[in-house]
Amino acid sequence: MITITCDICKKKMDNPITDKTFFYYANFSMCEDCKDKIEYSVKPQVRAKEPFAMDWYQKTMRDTLGRAAQRSRA
């Protein structure tokens, strides 16, 4: 049995299924709930960005994930 811990909320996931119950982005493992919350928080920034650039989006996601992981450690 494989167990992975979400880097954001520290919830344990038993027998995770990649891209269904467990997501991996920029060296962060996260559950589906945390992924949805991160995407929801980044969405307004993405909609306001003109012109859109993929490298900017990736940096914004990494920064947001880093801040979320830092808050969970405190």
PDB file of N, CA and C in Angstrom:
ATOM      1  N   MET A   1       0.843  -1.175   0.000  1.00  0.00           N
ATOM      2  CA  MET A   1       0.000   0.000   0.000  1.00  0.00           C
ATOM      3  C   MET A   1       0.889   1.240   0.000  1.00  0.00           C
ATOM      4  N   ILE A   2       0.541   2.193  -0.819  1.00  0.00           N
ATOM      5  CA  ILE A   2       1.280   3.448  -0.926  1.00  0.00           C
ATOM      6  C   ILE A   2       0.487   4.529  -0.203  1.00  0.00           C
ATOM      7  N   THR A   3       1.197   5.355   0.565  1.00  0.00           N
ATOM      8  CA  THR A   3       0.570   6.487   1.237  1.00  0.00           C
ATOM      9  C   THR A   3       1.365   7.737   0.894  1.00  0.00           C
ATOM     10  N   ILE A   4       0.675   8.758   0.445  1.00  0.00           N
ATOM     11  CA  ILE A   4       1.291  10.047   0.119  1.00  0.00           C
ATOM     12  C   ILE A   4       0.636  11.105   0.985  1.00  0.00           C
ATOM     13  N   THR A   5       1.424  12.059   1.458  1.00  0.00           N
ATOM     14  CA  THR A   5       0.904  13.147   2.280  1.00  0.00           C
ATOM     15  C   THR A   5       0.845  14.420   1.452  1.00  0.00           C
ATOM     16  N   CYS A   6      -0.276  15.111   1.511  1.00  0.00           N
ATOM     17  CA  CYS A   6      -0.443  16.380   0.812  1.00  0.00           C
ATOM     18  C   CYS A   6       0.493  17.407   1.438  1.00  0.00           C
ATOM     19  N   ASP A   7       1.272  18.099   0.614  1.00  0.00           N
ATOM     20  CA  ASP A   7       2.209  19.100   1.117  1.00  0.00           C
ATOM     21  C   ASP A   7       1.511  20.368   1.600  1.00  0.00           C
ATOM     22  N   ILE A   8       0.259  20.538   1.238  1.00  0.00           N
ATOM     23  CA  ILE A   8      -0.464  21.751   1.605  1.00  0.00           C
ATOM     24  C   ILE A   8      -1.238  21.556   2.905  1.00  0.00           C
ATOM     25  N   CYS A   9      -2.103  20.549   2.970  1.00  0.00           N
ATOM     26  CA  CYS A   9      -2.961  20.361   4.151  1.00  0.00           C
ATOM     27  C   CYS A   9      -2.497  19.232   5.063  1.00  0.00           C
ATOM     28  N   LYS A  10      -1.484  18.480   4.650  1.00  0.00           N
ATOM     29  CA  LYS A  10      -0.911  17.366   5.419  1.00  0.00           C
ATOM     30  C   LYS A  10      -1.858  16.177   5.565  1.00  0.00           C
ATOM     31  N   LYS A  11      -2.884  16.092   4.712  1.00  0.00           N
ATOM     32  CA  LYS A  11      -3.793  14.953   4.727  1.00  0.00           C
ATOM     33  C   LYS A  11      -3.108  13.767   4.058  1.00  0.00           C
ATOM     34  N   LYS A  12      -3.279  12.581   4.634  1.00  0.00           N
ATOM     35  CA  LYS A  12      -2.690  11.372   4.063  1.00  0.00           C
ATOM     36  C   LYS A  12      -3.648  10.762   3.052  1.00  0.00           C
ATOM     37  N   MET A  13      -3.083  10.324   1.920  1.00  0.00           N
ATOM     38  CA  MET A  13      -3.860   9.693   0.867  1.00  0.00           C
ATOM     39  C   MET A  13      -3.357   8.265   0.692  1.00  0.00           C
ATOM     40  N   ASP A  14      -4.213   7.290   0.941  1.00  0.00           N
ATOM     41  CA  ASP A  14      -3.859   5.888   0.753  1.00  0.00           C
ATOM     42  C   ASP A  14      -4.180   5.467  -0.672  1.00  0.00           C
ATOM     43  N   ASN A  15      -3.266   4.753  -1.280  1.00  0.00           N
ATOM     44  CA  ASN A  15      -3.414   4.274  -2.659  1.00  0.00           C
ATOM     45  C   ASN A  15      -3.872   5.389  -3.595  1.00  0.00           C
ATOM     46  N   PRO A  16      -3.090   6.466  -3.706  1.00  0.00           N
ATOM     47  CA  PRO A  16      -3.494   7.587  -4.553  1.00  0.00           C
ATOM     48  C   PRO A  16      -3.460   7.221  -6.040  1.00  0.00           C
ATOM     49  N   ILE A  17      -4.317   7.869  -6.791  1.00  0.00           N
ATOM     50  CA  ILE A  17      -4.360   7.685  -8.245  1.00  0.00           C
ATOM     51  C   ILE A  17      -3.911   9.004  -8.857  1.00  0.00           C
ATOM     52  N   THR A  18      -2.808   8.974  -9.580  1.00  0.00           N
ATOM     53  CA  THR A  18      -2.252  10.179 -10.185  1.00  0.00           C
ATOM     54  C   THR A  18      -3.264  10.845 -11.100  1.00  0.00           C
ATOM     55  N   ASP A  19      -3.388  12.154 -10.968  1.00  0.00           N
ATOM     56  CA  ASP A  19      -4.302  12.997 -11.747  1.00  0.00           C
ATOM     57  C   ASP A  19      -5.787  12.714 -11.495  1.00  0.00           C
ATOM     58  N   LYS A  20      -6.100  11.994 -10.434  1.00  0.00           N
ATOM     59  CA  LYS A  20      -7.499  11.783 -10.040  1.00  0.00           C
ATOM     60  C   LYS A  20      -7.678  12.155  -8.567  1.00  0.00           C
ATOM     61  N   THR A  21      -6.886  11.551  -7.687  1.00  0.00           N
ATOM     62  CA  THR A  21      -6.975  11.855  -6.258  1.00  0.00           C
ATOM     63  C   THR A  21      -5.706  12.517  -5.742  1.00  0.00           C
ATOM     64  N   PHE A  22      -4.673  12.557  -6.558  1.00  0.00           N
ATOM     65  CA  PHE A  22      -3.369  13.075  -6.169  1.00  0.00           C
ATOM     66  C   PHE A  22      -2.771  13.811  -7.350  1.00  0.00           C
ATOM     67  N   PHE A  23      -2.240  15.003  -7.088  1.00  0.00           N
ATOM     68  CA  PHE A  23      -1.671  15.824  -8.146  1.00  0.00           C
ATOM     69  C   PHE A  23      -0.270  16.244  -7.748  1.00  0.00           C
ATOM     70  N   TYR A  24       0.606  16.329  -8.720  1.00  0.00           N
ATOM     71  CA  TYR A  24       1.999  16.679  -8.487  1.00  0.00           C
ATOM     72  C   TYR A  24       2.338  17.844  -9.395  1.00  0.00           C
ATOM     73  N   TYR A  25       2.765  18.965  -8.782  1.00  0.00           N
ATOM     74  CA  TYR A  25       3.119  20.147  -9.562  1.00  0.00           C
ATOM     75  C   TYR A  25       4.262  20.865  -8.879  1.00  0.00           C
ATOM     76  N   ALA A  26       5.325  21.126  -9.620  1.00  0.00           N
ATOM     77  CA  ALA A  26       6.479  21.894  -9.139  1.00  0.00           C
ATOM     78  C   ALA A  26       6.993  21.368  -7.796  1.00  0.00           C
ATOM     79  N   ASN A  27       7.211  20.059  -7.718  1.00  0.00           N
ATOM     80  CA  ASN A  27       7.735  19.400  -6.523  1.00  0.00           C
ATOM     81  C   ASN A  27       6.793  19.449  -5.332  1.00  0.00           C
ATOM     82  N   PHE A  28       5.522  19.674  -5.554  1.00  0.00           N
ATOM     83  CA  PHE A  28       4.518  19.653  -4.498  1.00  0.00           C
ATOM     84  C   PHE A  28       3.517  18.548  -4.794  1.00  0.00           C
ATOM     85  N   SER A  29       3.240  17.735  -3.786  1.00  0.00           N
ATOM     86  CA  SER A  29       2.185  16.726  -3.884  1.00  0.00           C
ATOM     87  C   SER A  29       0.962  17.321  -3.219  1.00  0.00           C
ATOM     88  N   MET A  30      -0.202  17.197  -3.871  1.00  0.00           N
ATOM     89  CA  MET A  30      -1.391  17.772  -3.259  1.00  0.00           C
ATOM     90  C   MET A  30      -2.625  16.944  -3.556  1.00  0.00           C
ATOM     91  N   CYS A  31      -3.562  17.023  -2.618  1.00  0.00           N
ATOM     92  CA  CYS A  31      -4.835  16.326  -2.781  1.00  0.00           C
ATOM     93  C   CYS A  31      -5.733  17.134  -3.722  1.00  0.00           C
ATOM     94  N   GLU A  32      -6.844  16.544  -4.092  1.00  0.00           N
ATOM     95  CA  GLU A  32      -7.753  17.194  -5.043  1.00  0.00           C
ATOM     96  C   GLU A  32      -8.344  18.484  -4.465  1.00  0.00           C
ATOM     97  N   ASP A  33      -8.678  18.481  -3.172  1.00  0.00           N
ATOM     98  CA  ASP A  33      -9.243  19.683  -2.546  1.00  0.00           C
ATOM     99  C   ASP A  33      -8.258  20.851  -2.581  1.00  0.00           C
ATOM    100  N   CYS A  34      -7.013  20.592  -2.246  1.00  0.00           N
ATOM    101  CA  CYS A  34      -5.998  21.656  -2.249  1.00  0.00           C
ATOM    102  C   CYS A  34      -5.728  22.149  -3.672  1.00  0.00           C
ATOM    103  N   LYS A  35      -5.705  21.240  -4.627  1.00  0.00           N
ATOM    104  CA  LYS A  35      -5.507  21.641  -6.031  1.00  0.00           C
ATOM    105  C   LYS A  35      -6.606  22.589  -6.472  1.00  0.00           C
ATOM    106  N   ASP A  36      -7.847  22.255  -6.122  1.00  0.00           N
ATOM    107  CA  ASP A  36      -8.975  23.111  -6.487  1.00  0.00           C
ATOM    108  C   ASP A  36      -8.862  24.486  -5.830  1.00  0.00           C
ATOM    109  N   LYS A  37      -8.465  24.529  -4.561  1.00  0.00           N
ATOM    110  CA  LYS A  37      -8.319  25.802  -3.851  1.00  0.00           C
ATOM    111  C   LYS A  37      -7.210  26.658  -4.460  1.00  0.00           C
ATOM    112  N   ILE A  38      -6.091  26.037  -4.832  1.00  0.00           N
ATOM    113  CA  ILE A  38      -4.977  26.766  -5.444  1.00  0.00           C
ATOM    114  C   ILE A  38      -5.406  27.337  -6.795  1.00  0.00           C
ATOM    115  N   GLU A  39      -6.042  26.510  -7.612  1.00  0.00           N
ATOM    116  CA  GLU A  39      -6.509  26.983  -8.921  1.00  0.00           C
ATOM    117  C   GLU A  39      -7.532  28.110  -8.770  1.00  0.00           C
ATOM    118  N   TYR A  40      -8.408  28.010  -7.781  1.00  0.00           N
ATOM    119  CA  TYR A  40      -9.415  29.047  -7.537  1.00  0.00           C
ATOM    120  C   TYR A  40      -8.753  30.368  -7.132  1.00  0.00           C
ATOM    121  N   SER A  41      -7.671  30.294  -6.358  1.00  0.00           N
ATOM    122  CA  SER A  41      -6.999  31.521  -5.925  1.00  0.00           C
ATOM    123  C   SER A  41      -6.178  32.163  -7.044  1.00  0.00           C
ATOM    124  N   VAL A  42      -5.706  31.374  -8.005  1.00  0.00           N
ATOM    125  CA  VAL A  42      -4.882  31.893  -9.100  1.00  0.00           C
ATOM    126  C   VAL A  42      -5.743  32.390 -10.267  1.00  0.00           C
ATOM    127  N   LYS A  43      -6.959  31.866 -10.387  1.00  0.00           N
ATOM    128  CA  LYS A  43      -7.813  32.174 -11.534  1.00  0.00           C
ATOM    129  C   LYS A  43      -8.022  33.679 -11.777  1.00  0.00           C
ATOM    130  N   PRO A  44      -8.296  34.512 -10.755  1.00  0.00           N
ATOM    131  CA  PRO A  44      -8.473  35.951 -11.023  1.00  0.00           C
ATOM    132  C   PRO A  44      -7.216  36.614 -11.599  1.00  0.00           C
ATOM    133  N   GLN A  45      -6.039  36.179 -11.153  1.00  0.00           N
ATOM    134  CA  GLN A  45      -4.787  36.727 -11.684  1.00  0.00           C
ATOM    135  C   GLN A  45      -4.617  36.351 -13.148  1.00  0.00           C
ATOM    136  N   VAL A  46      -4.972  35.125 -13.491  1.00  0.00           N
ATOM    137  CA  VAL A  46      -4.830  34.653 -14.874  1.00  0.00           C
ATOM    138  C   VAL A  46      -5.782  35.413 -15.793  1.00  0.00           C
ATOM    139  N   ARG A  47      -6.995  35.623 -15.339  1.00  0.00           N
ATOM    140  CA  ARG A  47      -7.976  36.334 -16.172  1.00  0.00           C
ATOM    141  C   ARG A  47      -7.592  37.788 -16.408  1.00  0.00           C
ATOM    142  N   ALA A  48      -6.878  38.389 -15.448  1.00  0.00           N
ATOM    143  CA  ALA A  48      -6.498  39.798 -15.571  1.00  0.00           C
ATOM    144  C   ALA A  48      -5.205  39.990 -16.366  1.00  0.00           C
ATOM    145  N   LYS A  49      -4.472  38.927 -16.601  1.00  0.00           N
ATOM    146  CA  LYS A  49      -3.169  39.023 -17.276  1.00  0.00           C
ATOM    147  C   LYS A  49      -3.353  39.170 -18.777  1.00  0.00           C
ATOM    148  N   GLU A  50      -2.834  40.243 -19.323  1.00  0.00           N
ATOM    149  CA  GLU A  50      -2.867  40.492 -20.769  1.00  0.00           C
ATOM    150  C   GLU A  50      -1.487  40.934 -21.218  1.00  0.00           C
ATOM    151  N   PRO A  51      -0.841  40.366 -22.141  1.00  0.00           N
ATOM    152  CA  PRO A  51      -1.116  39.075 -22.754  1.00  0.00           C
ATOM    153  C   PRO A  51      -0.672  37.941 -21.828  1.00  0.00           C
ATOM    154  N   PHE A  52      -1.292  36.812 -21.989  1.00  0.00           N
ATOM    155  CA  PHE A  52      -0.984  35.645 -21.173  1.00  0.00           C
ATOM    156  C   PHE A  52       0.360  35.063 -21.593  1.00  0.00           C
ATOM    157  N   ALA A  53       1.154  34.652 -20.602  1.00  0.00           N
ATOM    158  CA  ALA A  53       2.443  34.009 -20.873  1.00  0.00           C
ATOM    159  C   ALA A  53       2.555  32.763 -19.990  1.00  0.00           C
ATOM    160  N   MET A  54       2.906  31.648 -20.582  1.00  0.00           N
ATOM    161  CA  MET A  54       2.964  30.389 -19.845  1.00  0.00           C
ATOM    162  C   MET A  54       4.039  30.419 -18.761  1.00  0.00           C
ATOM    163  N   ASP A  55       5.193  31.039 -19.023  1.00  0.00           N
ATOM    164  CA  ASP A  55       6.239  31.095 -17.992  1.00  0.00           C
ATOM    165  C   ASP A  55       5.773  31.932 -16.798  1.00  0.00           C
ATOM    166  N   TRP A  56       5.005  32.987 -17.030  1.00  0.00           N
ATOM    167  CA  TRP A  56       4.441  33.784 -15.935  1.00  0.00           C
ATOM    168  C   TRP A  56       3.460  32.931 -15.124  1.00  0.00           C
ATOM    169  N   TYR A  57       2.624  32.159 -15.808  1.00  0.00           N
ATOM    170  CA  TYR A  57       1.647  31.305 -15.130  1.00  0.00           C
ATOM    171  C   TYR A  57       2.349  30.269 -14.255  1.00  0.00           C
ATOM    172  N   GLN A  58       3.388  29.627 -14.782  1.00  0.00           N
ATOM    173  CA  GLN A  58       4.111  28.618 -14.019  1.00  0.00           C
ATOM    174  C   GLN A  58       4.772  29.224 -12.787  1.00  0.00           C
ATOM    175  N   LYS A  59       5.344  30.414 -12.923  1.00  0.00           N
ATOM    176  CA  LYS A  59       5.956  31.095 -11.774  1.00  0.00           C
ATOM    177  C   LYS A  59       4.895  31.460 -10.742  1.00  0.00           C
ATOM    178  N   THR A  60       3.745  31.937 -11.191  1.00  0.00           N
ATOM    179  CA  THR A  60       2.654  32.292 -10.282  1.00  0.00           C
ATOM    180  C   THR A  60       2.164  31.054  -9.525  1.00  0.00           C
ATOM    181  N   MET A  61       2.029  29.928 -10.205  1.00  0.00           N
ATOM    182  CA  MET A  61       1.604  28.690  -9.546  1.00  0.00           C
ATOM    183  C   MET A  61       2.641  28.225  -8.527  1.00  0.00           C
ATOM    184  N   ARG A  62       3.925  28.271  -8.895  1.00  0.00           N
ATOM    185  CA  ARG A  62       4.978  27.860  -7.960  1.00  0.00           C
ATOM    186  C   ARG A  62       4.982  28.749  -6.726  1.00  0.00           C
ATOM    187  N   ASP A  63       4.853  30.058  -6.920  1.00  0.00           N
ATOM    188  CA  ASP A  63       4.835  30.993  -5.800  1.00  0.00           C
ATOM    189  C   ASP A  63       3.634  30.746  -4.886  1.00  0.00           C
ATOM    190  N   THR A  64       2.470  30.538  -5.476  1.00  0.00           N
ATOM    191  CA  THR A  64       1.259  30.291  -4.698  1.00  0.00           C
ATOM    192  C   THR A  64       1.364  28.986  -3.919  1.00  0.00           C
ATOM    193  N   LEU A  65       1.875  27.947  -4.555  1.00  0.00           N
ATOM    194  CA  LEU A  65       2.061  26.666  -3.872  1.00  0.00           C
ATOM    195  C   LEU A  65       3.074  26.788  -2.739  1.00  0.00           C
ATOM    196  N   GLY A  66       4.150  27.537  -2.975  1.00  0.00           N
ATOM    197  CA  GLY A  66       5.162  27.740  -1.934  1.00  0.00           C
ATOM    198  C   GLY A  66       4.584  28.461  -0.724  1.00  0.00           C
ATOM    199  N   ARG A  67       3.785  29.498  -0.973  1.00  0.00           N
ATOM    200  CA  ARG A  67       3.152  30.230   0.146  1.00  0.00           C
ATOM    201  C   ARG A  67       2.173  29.333   0.910  1.00  0.00           C
ATOM    202  N   ALA A  68       1.408  28.531   0.186  1.00  0.00           N
ATOM    203  CA  ALA A  68       0.439  27.626   0.829  1.00  0.00           C
ATOM    204  C   ALA A  68       1.160  26.581   1.677  1.00  0.00           C
ATOM    205  N   ALA A  69       2.242  26.043   1.171  1.00  0.00           N
ATOM    206  CA  ALA A  69       3.007  25.050   1.932  1.00  0.00           C
ATOM    207  C   ALA A  69       3.647  25.699   3.162  1.00  0.00           C
ATOM    208  N   GLN A  70       4.115  26.932   3.045  1.00  0.00           N
ATOM    209  CA  GLN A  70       4.700  27.642   4.184  1.00  0.00           C
ATOM    210  C   GLN A  70       3.656  27.858   5.279  1.00  0.00           C
ATOM    211  N   ARG A  71       2.437  28.237   4.890  1.00  0.00           N
ATOM    212  CA  ARG A  71       1.372  28.460   5.879  1.00  0.00           C
ATOM    213  C   ARG A  71       1.044  27.165   6.614  1.00  0.00           C
ATOM    214  N   SER A  72       1.099  26.045   5.935  1.00  0.00           N
ATOM    215  CA  SER A  72       0.758  24.778   6.576  1.00  0.00           C
ATOM    216  C   SER A  72       1.852  24.324   7.543  1.00  0.00           C
ATOM    217  N   ARG A  73       3.070  24.780   7.350  1.00  0.00           N
ATOM    218  CA  ARG A  73       4.163  24.411   8.251  1.00  0.00           C
ATOM    219  C   ARG A  73       4.130  25.210   9.541  1.00  0.00           C
ATOM    220  N   ALA A  74       3.541  26.378   9.485  1.00  0.00           N
ATOM    221  CA  ALA A  74       3.539  27.264  10.663  1.00  0.00           C
ATOM    222  C   ALA A  74       2.580  26.798  11.730  1.00  0.00           C
TER     223      ALA A  74
END
